[in-house]
């Protein structure tokens, strides 16, 4: 559901940008920001929406555990904001650093066979994170078509969860995660050149490498999971100058 919403938003933003550019070009066309393509570097800001979830690997002990029967992960929406710095390497290739503060929530839904007093048969454990995200991307840009171009990118990132050691994580039966994680990013975006800035909608896929589950043998909700890996889809809006 969240992926469908992201795709709809990206298509809508792209169509709005194309309409704005085509309207301007239907009159008297002049290139916007003609000097931009010769800049050795440039900066910007980023606003983002994310749909984050865990990729869970069940533990072998789940098959013999008589309390927790099923653990499914659910995607939840969040948002972020950040800065943008881009270094032009050679024509059509750029190096981009885009640190962000990302607020993300990941849910794990459990089915409990023998709930304790006051516990529901279906239990959802929410893991809230405030991530300092440090991605470094290599961008490949198409030729500029008047005031429009397309780009793709691939890169690596390191995340640090500022909320991983907060007091609420010490509550009994709460799933805990490790603070640090690294992973790979890839995606694509559009550049729309306006007279004073560049509007760039982008879709980014963020996949973590490591197991970020902090095991707790006394926690029945952690015991049935072997590993948790981070997965996130982001819709970013970059405003570049």
C-alpha atoms as a PDB file:
ATOM      1  CA  UNK A   1       0.000   0.000   0.000  1.00  0.00           C
ATOM      2  CA  UNK A   2       2.797   2.440   0.938  1.00  0.00           C
ATOM      3  CA  UNK A   3       4.716   1.541  -2.253  1.00  0.00           C
ATOM      4  CA  UNK A   4       1.632   2.305  -4.356  1.00  0.00           C
ATOM      5  CA  UNK A   5       1.276   5.685  -2.640  1.00  0.00           C
ATOM      6  CA  UNK A   6       4.939   6.474  -3.265  1.00  0.00           C
ATOM      7  CA  UNK A   7       4.602   5.609  -6.951  1.00  0.00           C
ATOM      8  CA  UNK A   8       1.452   7.742  -7.281  1.00  0.00           C
ATOM      9  CA  UNK A   9       3.159  10.700  -5.581  1.00  0.00           C
ATOM     10  CA  UNK A  10       6.252  10.377  -7.768  1.00  0.00           C
ATOM     11  CA  UNK A  11       4.206  10.178 -10.974  1.00  0.00           C
ATOM     12  CA  UNK A  12       2.069  13.142  -9.899  1.00  0.00           C
ATOM     13  CA  UNK A  13       5.121  15.279  -9.112  1.00  0.00           C
ATOM     14  CA  UNK A  14       6.723  14.288 -12.397  1.00  0.00           C
ATOM     15  CA  UNK A  15       3.630  15.204 -14.385  1.00  0.00           C
ATOM     16  CA  UNK A  16       3.355  18.532 -12.569  1.00  0.00           C
ATOM     17  CA  UNK A  17       6.974  19.292 -13.372  1.00  0.00           C
ATOM     18  CA  UNK A  18       6.584  18.285 -17.008  1.00  0.00           C
ATOM     19  CA  UNK A  19       3.458  20.433 -17.297  1.00  0.00           C
ATOM     20  CA  UNK A  20       5.249  23.457 -15.814  1.00  0.00           C
ATOM     21  CA  UNK A  21       8.279  23.024 -18.047  1.00  0.00           C
ATOM     22  CA  UNK A  22       6.244  22.381 -21.200  1.00  0.00           C
ATOM     23  CA  UNK A  23       4.068  25.437 -20.487  1.00  0.00           C
ATOM     24  CA  UNK A  24       7.121  27.646 -20.210  1.00  0.00           C
ATOM     25  CA  UNK A  25       8.647  26.123 -23.328  1.00  0.00           C
ATOM     26  CA  UNK A  26       5.469  26.573 -25.346  1.00  0.00           C
ATOM     27  CA  UNK A  27       5.985  30.317 -25.085  1.00  0.00           C
ATOM     28  CA  UNK A  28       9.535  31.529 -25.746  1.00  0.00           C
ATOM     29  CA  UNK A  29      12.037  28.898 -24.680  1.00  0.00           C
ATOM     30  CA  UNK A  30      15.185  29.938 -22.902  1.00  0.00           C
ATOM     31  CA  UNK A  31      17.332  27.610 -20.812  1.00  0.00           C
ATOM     32  CA  UNK A  32      16.979  28.098 -17.080  1.00  0.00           C
ATOM     33  CA  UNK A  33      20.197  28.195 -15.044  1.00  0.00           C
ATOM     34  CA  UNK A  34      22.447  27.779 -18.117  1.00  0.00           C
ATOM     35  CA  UNK A  35      25.589  28.151 -15.983  1.00  0.00           C
ATOM     36  CA  UNK A  36      24.617  25.327 -13.626  1.00  0.00           C
ATOM     37  CA  UNK A  37      26.064  22.514 -15.766  1.00  0.00           C
ATOM     38  CA  UNK A  38      29.519  24.072 -15.511  1.00  0.00           C
ATOM     39  CA  UNK A  39      29.535  24.375 -11.705  1.00  0.00           C
ATOM     40  CA  UNK A  40      32.182  22.166 -10.027  1.00  0.00           C
ATOM     41  CA  UNK A  41      29.870  21.674  -7.036  1.00  0.00           C
ATOM     42  CA  UNK A  42      26.476  22.778  -5.725  1.00  0.00           C
ATOM     43  CA  UNK A  43      24.237  22.412  -2.667  1.00  0.00           C
ATOM     44  CA  UNK A  44      20.605  21.934  -1.717  1.00  0.00           C
ATOM     45  CA  UNK A  45      18.074  20.730   0.839  1.00  0.00           C
ATOM     46  CA  UNK A  46      16.016  17.545   1.017  1.00  0.00           C
ATOM     47  CA  UNK A  47      12.531  16.703   2.260  1.00  0.00           C
ATOM     48  CA  UNK A  48      11.549  13.041   2.293  1.00  0.00           C
ATOM     49  CA  UNK A  49       8.771  10.601   3.046  1.00  0.00           C
ATOM     50  CA  UNK A  50       9.630   6.989   3.870  1.00  0.00           C
ATOM     51  CA  UNK A  51       7.972   3.615   4.143  1.00  0.00           C
ATOM     52  CA  UNK A  52      10.144   1.530   6.478  1.00  0.00           C
ATOM     53  CA  UNK A  53       9.960  -2.105   7.519  1.00  0.00           C
ATOM     54  CA  UNK A  54      12.071  -5.002   8.759  1.00  0.00           C
ATOM     55  CA  UNK A  55      13.024  -8.090   6.816  1.00  0.00           C
ATOM     56  CA  UNK A  56      12.688 -10.749   9.509  1.00  0.00           C
ATOM     57  CA  UNK A  57      14.315 -14.179   9.559  1.00  0.00           C
ATOM     58  CA  UNK A  58      12.380 -16.534  11.871  1.00  0.00           C
ATOM     59  CA  UNK A  59      14.357 -18.421  14.486  1.00  0.00           C
ATOM     60  CA  UNK A  60      14.360 -22.255  14.371  1.00  0.00           C
ATOM     61  CA  UNK A  61      13.022 -22.194  17.923  1.00  0.00           C
ATOM     62  CA  UNK A  62       9.725 -20.707  16.623  1.00  0.00           C
ATOM     63  CA  UNK A  63       8.749 -24.188  15.432  1.00  0.00           C
ATOM     64  CA  UNK A  64       8.922 -25.514  19.000  1.00  0.00           C
ATOM     65  CA  UNK A  65       7.798 -22.387  20.832  1.00  0.00           C
ATOM     66  CA  UNK A  66       4.262 -22.824  22.160  1.00  0.00           C
ATOM     67  CA  UNK A  67       3.474 -19.152  22.798  1.00  0.00           C
ATOM     68  CA  UNK A  68       4.403 -16.938  19.818  1.00  0.00           C
ATOM     69  CA  UNK A  69       3.267 -18.580  16.597  1.00  0.00           C
ATOM     70  CA  UNK A  70       3.698 -15.925  13.889  1.00  0.00           C
ATOM     71  CA  UNK A  71       5.818 -12.780  13.533  1.00  0.00           C
ATOM     72  CA  UNK A  72       5.144 -10.592  10.500  1.00  0.00           C
ATOM     73  CA  UNK A  73       6.656  -7.209   9.723  1.00  0.00           C
ATOM     74  CA  UNK A  74       4.594  -4.234   8.573  1.00  0.00           C
ATOM     75  CA  UNK A  75       5.619  -1.084   6.702  1.00  0.00           C
ATOM     76  CA  UNK A  76       4.890   2.251   8.407  1.00  0.00           C
ATOM     77  CA  UNK A  77       5.295   5.797   7.079  1.00  0.00           C
ATOM     78  CA  UNK A  78       7.768   8.388   8.309  1.00  0.00           C
ATOM     79  CA  UNK A  79       9.564  11.531   7.178  1.00  0.00           C
ATOM     80  CA  UNK A  80      12.986  13.133   7.044  1.00  0.00           C
ATOM     81  CA  UNK A  81      14.922  16.278   6.191  1.00  0.00           C
ATOM     82  CA  UNK A  82      18.512  16.909   5.265  1.00  0.00           C
ATOM     83  CA  UNK A  83      21.213  18.727   3.357  1.00  0.00           C
ATOM     84  CA  UNK A  84      22.702  18.024  -0.043  1.00  0.00           C
ATOM     85  CA  UNK A  85      26.169  18.492  -1.475  1.00  0.00           C
ATOM     86  CA  UNK A  86      27.109  17.411  -5.004  1.00  0.00           C
ATOM     87  CA  UNK A  87      30.550  17.278  -6.637  1.00  0.00           C
ATOM     88  CA  UNK A  88      30.777  17.133 -10.416  1.00  0.00           C
ATOM     89  CA  UNK A  89      33.335  14.491 -11.437  1.00  0.00           C
ATOM     90  CA  UNK A  90      33.172  14.246 -15.234  1.00  0.00           C
ATOM     91  CA  UNK A  91      30.326  14.916 -17.694  1.00  0.00           C
ATOM     92  CA  UNK A  92      27.290  12.831 -16.712  1.00  0.00           C
ATOM     93  CA  UNK A  93      28.813  11.617 -13.423  1.00  0.00           C
ATOM     94  CA  UNK A  94      28.492  13.258 -10.006  1.00  0.00           C
ATOM     95  CA  UNK A  95      29.294  12.335  -6.405  1.00  0.00           C
ATOM     96  CA  UNK A  96      26.595  13.276  -3.905  1.00  0.00           C
ATOM     97  CA  UNK A  97      26.540  13.411  -0.099  1.00  0.00           C
ATOM     98  CA  UNK A  98      23.026  13.678   1.342  1.00  0.00           C
ATOM     99  CA  UNK A  99      22.946  13.447   5.188  1.00  0.00           C
ATOM    100  CA  UNK A 100      19.436  13.298   6.619  1.00  0.00           C
ATOM    101  CA  UNK A 101      17.633  13.013   9.929  1.00  0.00           C
ATOM    102  CA  UNK A 102      14.990  10.350   9.317  1.00  0.00           C
ATOM    103  CA  UNK A 103      12.097   9.507  11.621  1.00  0.00           C
ATOM    104  CA  UNK A 104      10.986   5.950  10.894  1.00  0.00           C
ATOM    105  CA  UNK A 105       8.695   3.379  12.506  1.00  0.00           C
ATOM    106  CA  UNK A 106       8.776  -0.368  11.925  1.00  0.00           C
ATOM    107  CA  UNK A 107       6.062  -2.707  13.243  1.00  0.00           C
ATOM    108  CA  UNK A 108       6.282  -6.407  14.045  1.00  0.00           C
ATOM    109  CA  UNK A 109       2.919  -8.180  14.350  1.00  0.00           C
ATOM    110  CA  UNK A 110       2.733 -11.348  16.492  1.00  0.00           C
ATOM    111  CA  UNK A 111       0.099 -14.023  16.877  1.00  0.00           C
ATOM    112  CA  UNK A 112       0.064 -15.279  20.475  1.00  0.00           C
ATOM    113  CA  UNK A 113      -1.269 -18.784  21.122  1.00  0.00           C
ATOM    114  CA  UNK A 114      -1.329 -18.511  24.908  1.00  0.00           C
ATOM    115  CA  UNK A 115      -1.625 -14.816  25.833  1.00  0.00           C
ATOM    116  CA  UNK A 116      -0.979 -13.827  29.419  1.00  0.00           C
ATOM    117  CA  UNK A 117      -3.613 -11.972  31.416  1.00  0.00           C
ATOM    118  CA  UNK A 118      -4.520  -8.692  29.713  1.00  0.00           C
ATOM    119  CA  UNK A 119      -2.616  -9.553  26.523  1.00  0.00           C
ATOM    120  CA  UNK A 120      -4.349  -9.710  23.162  1.00  0.00           C
ATOM    121  CA  UNK A 121      -4.051 -12.689  20.831  1.00  0.00           C
ATOM    122  CA  UNK A 122      -2.682 -10.353  18.178  1.00  0.00           C
ATOM    123  CA  UNK A 123       0.131  -8.158  19.466  1.00  0.00           C
ATOM    124  CA  UNK A 124       2.015  -5.443  17.548  1.00  0.00           C
ATOM    125  CA  UNK A 125       5.436  -4.288  18.718  1.00  0.00           C
ATOM    126  CA  UNK A 126       6.409  -0.852  17.396  1.00  0.00           C
ATOM    127  CA  UNK A 127      10.069   0.079  16.918  1.00  0.00           C
ATOM    128  CA  UNK A 128      10.539   3.832  16.547  1.00  0.00           C
ATOM    129  CA  UNK A 129      13.824   5.215  15.246  1.00  0.00           C
ATOM    130  CA  UNK A 130      15.459   8.600  14.759  1.00  0.00           C
ATOM    131  CA  UNK A 131      18.123   7.815  12.185  1.00  0.00           C
ATOM    132  CA  UNK A 132      21.143   9.889  11.281  1.00  0.00           C
ATOM    133  CA  UNK A 133      21.569   8.738   7.689  1.00  0.00           C
ATOM    134  CA  UNK A 134      24.835   9.328   5.811  1.00  0.00           C
ATOM    135  CA  UNK A 135      24.522   8.216   2.162  1.00  0.00           C
ATOM    136  CA  UNK A 136      27.235   8.672  -0.468  1.00  0.00           C
ATOM    137  CA  UNK A 137      25.928   8.223  -4.013  1.00  0.00           C
ATOM    138  CA  UNK A 138      27.396   8.021  -7.491  1.00  0.00           C
ATOM    139  CA  UNK A 139      24.958   9.639  -9.950  1.00  0.00           C
ATOM    140  CA  UNK A 140      24.688   9.088 -13.696  1.00  0.00           C
ATOM    141  CA  UNK A 141      22.847  11.888 -15.522  1.00  0.00           C
ATOM    142  CA  UNK A 142      21.312  11.881 -18.983  1.00  0.00           C
ATOM    143  CA  UNK A 143      21.812  14.698 -21.446  1.00  0.00           C
ATOM    144  CA  UNK A 144      19.845  17.805 -20.588  1.00  0.00           C
ATOM    145  CA  UNK A 145      16.729  18.179 -22.738  1.00  0.00           C
ATOM    146  CA  UNK A 146      15.991  21.879 -22.496  1.00  0.00           C
ATOM    147  CA  UNK A 147      15.001  22.270 -18.816  1.00  0.00           C
ATOM    148  CA  UNK A 148      14.705  18.583 -17.985  1.00  0.00           C
ATOM    149  CA  UNK A 149      16.924  15.567 -17.373  1.00  0.00           C
ATOM    150  CA  UNK A 150      16.798  12.076 -15.828  1.00  0.00           C
ATOM    151  CA  UNK A 151      19.331  10.484 -13.498  1.00  0.00           C
ATOM    152  CA  UNK A 152      19.991   7.201 -11.718  1.00  0.00           C
ATOM    153  CA  UNK A 153      22.280   6.504  -8.771  1.00  0.00           C
ATOM    154  CA  UNK A 154      23.823   3.824  -6.596  1.00  0.00           C
ATOM    155  CA  UNK A 155      25.634   4.241  -3.316  1.00  0.00           C
ATOM    156  CA  UNK A 156      26.376   3.185   0.248  1.00  0.00           C
ATOM    157  CA  UNK A 157      25.043   4.540   3.538  1.00  0.00           C
ATOM    158  CA  UNK A 158      25.641   4.366   7.274  1.00  0.00           C
ATOM    159  CA  UNK A 159      22.774   4.843   9.746  1.00  0.00           C
ATOM    160  CA  UNK A 160      22.938   5.599  13.444  1.00  0.00           C
ATOM    161  CA  UNK A 161      19.737   5.274  15.462  1.00  0.00           C
ATOM    162  CA  UNK A 162      19.621   7.998  18.095  1.00  0.00           C
ATOM    163  CA  UNK A 163      16.647   6.297  19.785  1.00  0.00           C
ATOM    164  CA  UNK A 164      18.151   2.816  20.051  1.00  0.00           C
ATOM    165  CA  UNK A 165      19.268   3.257  23.668  1.00  0.00           C
ATOM    166  CA  UNK A 166      16.389   5.450  24.861  1.00  0.00           C
ATOM    167  CA  UNK A 167      14.623   4.627  28.122  1.00  0.00           C
ATOM    168  CA  UNK A 168      11.513   3.211  26.503  1.00  0.00           C
ATOM    169  CA  UNK A 169      13.582   0.469  24.852  1.00  0.00           C
ATOM    170  CA  UNK A 170      14.247  -1.010  28.295  1.00  0.00           C
ATOM    171  CA  UNK A 171      10.613  -1.818  28.875  1.00  0.00           C
ATOM    172  CA  UNK A 172       9.962  -5.539  29.254  1.00  0.00           C
ATOM    173  CA  UNK A 173       8.820  -7.399  26.117  1.00  0.00           C
ATOM    174  CA  UNK A 174       9.893  -4.561  23.795  1.00  0.00           C
ATOM    175  CA  UNK A 175      11.942  -5.563  20.744  1.00  0.00           C
ATOM    176  CA  UNK A 176      15.349  -3.875  20.809  1.00  0.00           C
ATOM    177  CA  UNK A 177      17.586  -2.984  17.869  1.00  0.00           C
ATOM    178  CA  UNK A 178      21.255  -2.100  17.562  1.00  0.00           C
ATOM    179  CA  UNK A 179      22.117   1.562  16.863  1.00  0.00           C
ATOM    180  CA  UNK A 180      24.431   1.186  13.843  1.00  0.00           C
ATOM    181  CA  UNK A 181      23.766  -0.226  10.382  1.00  0.00           C
ATOM    182  CA  UNK A 182      25.209   0.061   6.869  1.00  0.00           C
ATOM    183  CA  UNK A 183      23.725  -0.761   3.507  1.00  0.00           C
ATOM    184  CA  UNK A 184      23.299  -0.065  -0.184  1.00  0.00           C
ATOM    185  CA  UNK A 185      21.092   2.536  -1.882  1.00  0.00           C
ATOM    186  CA  UNK A 186      19.861   2.827  -5.447  1.00  0.00           C
ATOM    187  CA  UNK A 187      17.159   4.724  -7.280  1.00  0.00           C
ATOM    188  CA  UNK A 188      16.291   7.309  -9.906  1.00  0.00           C
ATOM    189  CA  UNK A 189      15.091  10.881 -10.162  1.00  0.00           C
ATOM    190  CA  UNK A 190      14.172  13.798 -12.393  1.00  0.00           C
ATOM    191  CA  UNK A 191      15.660  17.288 -12.660  1.00  0.00           C
ATOM    192  CA  UNK A 192      13.369  20.182 -13.565  1.00  0.00           C
ATOM    193  CA  UNK A 193      15.232  23.437 -14.132  1.00  0.00           C
ATOM    194  CA  UNK A 194      13.438  26.571 -13.012  1.00  0.00           C
ATOM    195  CA  UNK A 195      14.780  30.153 -13.193  1.00  0.00           C
ATOM    196  CA  UNK A 196      16.144  30.172  -9.632  1.00  0.00           C
ATOM    197  CA  UNK A 197      16.373  26.521  -8.525  1.00  0.00           C
ATOM    198  CA  UNK A 198      16.244  22.873  -9.602  1.00  0.00           C
ATOM    199  CA  UNK A 199      13.285  20.769  -8.464  1.00  0.00           C
ATOM    200  CA  UNK A 200      14.229  17.081  -8.226  1.00  0.00           C
ATOM    201  CA  UNK A 201      11.725  14.373  -7.193  1.00  0.00           C
ATOM    202  CA  UNK A 202      13.452  11.054  -6.508  1.00  0.00           C
ATOM    203  CA  UNK A 203      12.672   7.527  -5.415  1.00  0.00           C
ATOM    204  CA  UNK A 204      15.301   5.752  -3.275  1.00  0.00           C
ATOM    205  CA  UNK A 205      15.544   2.133  -2.171  1.00  0.00           C
ATOM    206  CA  UNK A 206      17.527   1.651   1.038  1.00  0.00           C
ATOM    207  CA  UNK A 207      18.615  -1.870   2.062  1.00  0.00           C
ATOM    208  CA  UNK A 208      20.585  -2.587   5.229  1.00  0.00           C
ATOM    209  CA  UNK A 209      23.299  -5.237   5.297  1.00  0.00           C
ATOM    210  CA  UNK A 210      23.515  -6.195   8.949  1.00  0.00           C
ATOM    211  CA  UNK A 211      21.376  -7.933  11.533  1.00  0.00           C
ATOM    212  CA  UNK A 212      20.239  -5.094  13.810  1.00  0.00           C
ATOM    213  CA  UNK A 213      18.260  -7.240  16.254  1.00  0.00           C
ATOM    214  CA  UNK A 214      19.574  -6.975  19.808  1.00  0.00           C
ATOM    215  CA  UNK A 215      18.883 -10.444  21.139  1.00  0.00           C
ATOM    216  CA  UNK A 216      17.312 -10.854  24.566  1.00  0.00           C
ATOM    217  CA  UNK A 217      16.895 -14.471  25.654  1.00  0.00           C
ATOM    218  CA  UNK A 218      14.330 -13.452  28.279  1.00  0.00           C
ATOM    219  CA  UNK A 219      12.093 -11.737  25.729  1.00  0.00           C
ATOM    220  CA  UNK A 220       9.644 -14.081  24.003  1.00  0.00           C
ATOM    221  CA  UNK A 221       9.189 -11.580  21.167  1.00  0.00           C
ATOM    222  CA  UNK A 222      12.909 -11.534  20.371  1.00  0.00           C
ATOM    223  CA  UNK A 223      13.410 -15.264  20.853  1.00  0.00           C
ATOM    224  CA  UNK A 224      11.364 -16.230  17.808  1.00  0.00           C
ATOM    225  CA  UNK A 225      13.387 -13.993  15.445  1.00  0.00           C
ATOM    226  CA  UNK A 226      16.850 -14.908  14.175  1.00  0.00           C
ATOM    227  CA  UNK A 227      17.624 -11.592  12.464  1.00  0.00           C
ATOM    228  CA  UNK A 228      16.144  -8.239  11.478  1.00  0.00           C
ATOM    229  CA  UNK A 229      17.383  -6.298   8.461  1.00  0.00           C
ATOM    230  CA  UNK A 230      16.309  -2.787   7.573  1.00  0.00           C
ATOM    231  CA  UNK A 231      14.357  -2.034   4.401  1.00  0.00           C
ATOM    232  CA  UNK A 232      13.138   1.414   3.390  1.00  0.00           C
ATOM    233  CA  UNK A 233      11.608   3.098   0.352  1.00  0.00           C
ATOM    234  CA  UNK A 234      11.969   6.873   0.272  1.00  0.00           C
ATOM    235  CA  UNK A 235      10.350   9.570  -1.837  1.00  0.00           C
ATOM    236  CA  UNK A 236      12.689  12.567  -1.737  1.00  0.00           C
ATOM    237  CA  UNK A 237      12.236  16.123  -2.931  1.00  0.00           C
ATOM    238  CA  UNK A 238      15.538  17.909  -3.535  1.00  0.00           C
ATOM    239  CA  UNK A 239      15.712  21.681  -4.016  1.00  0.00           C
ATOM    240  CA  UNK A 240      19.111  22.458  -5.532  1.00  0.00           C
ATOM    241  CA  UNK A 241      20.788  25.691  -6.513  1.00  0.00           C
END
